[in-house]
Each structure stands twice: as C-alpha cells, then as structure tokens.
Amino acid sequence: MDLLTKLRAEYKKLKERFEELRSLLADKPDEFTGEHRTEREEIKTRMAELRSDIDAEVEARRLEDEGGEGGEGRTSISVEDQPIYRGSQAAALGQQLADVAIVSSRGMGAEAVEAAESRLSQNTKRALELIERRQGQAPSEEFEERSMSVFNPEQRAAGTGMIQGVGSEGGFLLQSETSMDLMTHGFNNSEVLSRCAKRTLTGSESLEIVGIDETSRANGSRGGGIRVYTDAELSQMASSRTKFEKIKLAPERLTGLYYASDKIMKNATFLGQEMNQLFREEFAFKTQDLVIEGTGAGQALGIKNADCMVEIAKEEGQAAMTIVSENVLKMYARFYETGGGGPAWFTNRNTFLQLYSLKHEIGTGGELARLYVPPRRPGETGSMLGYPVVFIEQAEALGTAGDLQLTDFGQYVVVDYGDINEASSIHLKFDYGQTAFRFIYYFDGQPRWTSTLTPFKGSSDTLSPFLRIAGRS
C-alpha cells in the first residue's frame, strides 16, 4: 500500500470514528464523557494533519508526473492526478459509457469519435498509472500494448478480440480508485446489518475474537471457571482458573458481474444510476440473508445454523400456521438480555394478523393479549414486550421455524475488508460491443456465542440472545 492510500485510509477511519462520537453526543448526551471529548479533539487535530499530508503527497505526485518520462519502447504515462471524467460516480460513469457508445457507433461524425477516443485513451493511461502505483511496478509491456491497442482503428477493425484480463497485472482498467462506498447505504438502511457489531480489517486476512468460555452460570462454570468462596466453605484459600474460547472470521468473496450493450448504453446516465442502485440493494440483501441463513461453509454462519440458537417448542395441540401468546411469552422468558440495547423481534410480514390478534385463552373464550403494539403511523415501528417488531424479507413464512425470532444482533459480529470494489472494462467484451462491470465485496460473520447458556437456577431452560419458534406447518 503506497503512502497516499495509507493516508486516505487513516483519514477515512478517523472520520468514521468522529461521526460515531458526534452521533453519541446527539443521541445520548448523558453518556458523552470527558474521555470522549478528549478523543474527539485528538481526532480533529490528526485529521487536519492528514489533510495537509494528503495535499502534499498529491502535489508531489503531480510534479513527478510533469517531469516523468516513459521507458524505452513503452507508452509514456504522464497524466494529472484527476479523473478524466468528472462529477459524481453516476455522472462520471455516464460520461464514459457515452464515449464508448460514440466510438462503437457507425453513424457519428469523425470529430466526435476522435474526441471520445481521446478521452477514453487518457482514461486508460491514467488507469495504467494507478495499477503501477498499487503494484509498485509498471505493468508488463504486453499488457500495456494490449490495453492501448484497442484505440488503434486498424486493430479494432481486425477484430483480434483484445481482452484485458490478467489479474496479477491489473485486470480491469478503472476510472478512479477502486473503492466505491456502496456498502454504507446497505448498513445504514438494513435492519439486520445496522444492528450487528461490524469490524473492518486492515492489514490482516482474518479476525480472531477471544472470549470467556462460559456455557453455564452454575458454580464452577461462571466466568469460565472463576470461583469465590466464603470462610465457612474452606479453611485454606482455593485457586480457580478460567477457560477461554476463540472464534475466527475470514471474509469470503461476494461478486456481481454485469454486461451492458452499446444499445443500452445510449441511455448512459440512467444506466449508471440504476445499476449502482440495484447492486447496492442486492449486496445489502445478500449479506443480511447470510447473517440469518448462512451455512458457515465458505460463507458467514447464520443464526439459523448456529449452536446458540434456542428453539421454542410449539404448544400442545397448536394449530398449523399460527402464533399464540404462549410462543411469544416463552421466547421472552428464555431471552438473554446482554444490555446492548439492540434486541428486536424479526418476523415475516405475513405474521402480522397473528401478532395483532394474539389472545389470552380463558376457557373456551379469550381476550386480546395486546402483546403487539402496532405503529402509530406509517413508517414507524411497532413493538412487543418492549422490543421493536421488524418485518424483514429473510424471515421464514408463517408456520416455518424462523417466522418469528427474538434476536440481539449486537451479539453477532460481521467483518469485511472495506467498501465494495467496483471496476469496469470496455475491453473484456469489446468485440461484442459490451462493457463489463464488476463488483466484489468480502464479508464474513458469526455469533459471538458458541452455545446456549445454562442459568444458575432452572437449568432445564437454557438462555440465548437468539430465539425462534419451532415449525407449525
């Protein structure tokens, strides 16, 4: 990682922490301590230093580019440290796609085609420069020649099938830096992911979390084996020790690939906006689904398949496709409150009528239990026994185990390597008249708990921050 990338990464991390402190002060001013204020001032000072260092490094690179010379027999890469296509991501993408459409069209004037080729050529040179900076060495001559030769009319007409796909030498050419902050939208607007404990790895391939191996609250098991005795229990002090457990998370790759034809790209600006929006939503949906459904084999371990999941049995004689008050109350009774403030009921929308009509049975009749309190107005969230009720697509259909869950996702850890990596190439399918768009995101997750917890008394009913009702089909 070069100096400029390191500086920007540190600045981004500090900015995220600064926003966390800002939110804490706004939402929970009573919890904003003097230590938080000191940390905030230190962050402000360091961010100012980083801005100065980043500006200096950018200027130094610009001066290097102005005085640089290409190697013998190589394309001279000397471009300003600014993208060729300006504006927002969607606007820049739209401009680039419009130029691809112009170059590919037979009916455009020579001047328009020449101007579009010039911009695309400059963009390719800049991408080669970015590859060189990331790798610490220049791409091979063959790779560079193939990258630039597609702008040669004779070779393009010959249909030689130019393909830019050597991953070790840069792969897809990029308009700008590879990271595109798509996942921010996903985490801010996903009811599951926003509640998880999120970690971003920098400089390591995996995350190991060491915790106390506590599966029971019985004497000799609390705190992994810690004991405290009274004088009446022993005459000589006895020692105790604790056991630790370790979970390991290593992000696995999630990918998205899209091809856009020249005809579709004629509506270029709309395409860029629509494509980014669709991939943003799909990555958020997929990761949220993995948190719940993941098998743990080459992907995140979802709570559905975790050993710490407690499943509440259905009531004797309970009808199929129903939820009764006893289901809800028994889930609540076995829920382990960690004090994190993030517990919620997660359920499928087709359970609404069941929740709204929950009753306390009295003989052959009954009365509404009023456990579920619906939202007062559209857009708000209802609640049940004090916890929010959130409707999500990933919850199972009514009658299937997992249609109603009581979960504290603060006890679920997700890790990634940073933002979604976006890249595009006009070369991969050039002879088909298509532009390829690739999205890669690395993600993993699993519960902090490796098993359920046996309480100090009443050991027949284990506890957990992850509960659901058994199937009733």
Foldseek 3Di string as FASTA:
>chain_A
DDPLVVLVVVLVVLVVVLVVLVVCCVPPVVPCDPVSVVSNVVSVVVNVVSVVVNVVVLVVVLVCLVPDADDPPADRQRDRQDFLQDDDPLRSQLLLLQLLLQCPDPPDDPVSVVVSLVSVLNQLSVLQVVLCVVVVHGADRVLRCLSNCCSPVVVVVVPPQRAQADVVSRGFRFRHDFFDFLQVVLCVPPLQNVLAAEAADDPDQKDKDKAFPAFEPAALRPSQGAHDDDCVVDVDDDGIDHDMDMDMKGWAKDKDKDKDFSVRSNVPSVVSVVVSVVVSVVVSVVLSLCCAPNVVPRAANHPVNAQAEAAAEDDVPDAALADEPVQVVVQVVQADDPPPPAKAKEAAPQCVVRVQQHWDDDPPRTDRPPQWAQDPDPPDFIHGPPHTYHHDPSADHGQAKRRIKTARNHQKYKYWNDGKGKGKHCSNPVVVRIIMIMIMTIMYMDGNDRHWYQYNPPRVRTHHRIYTYHGRD
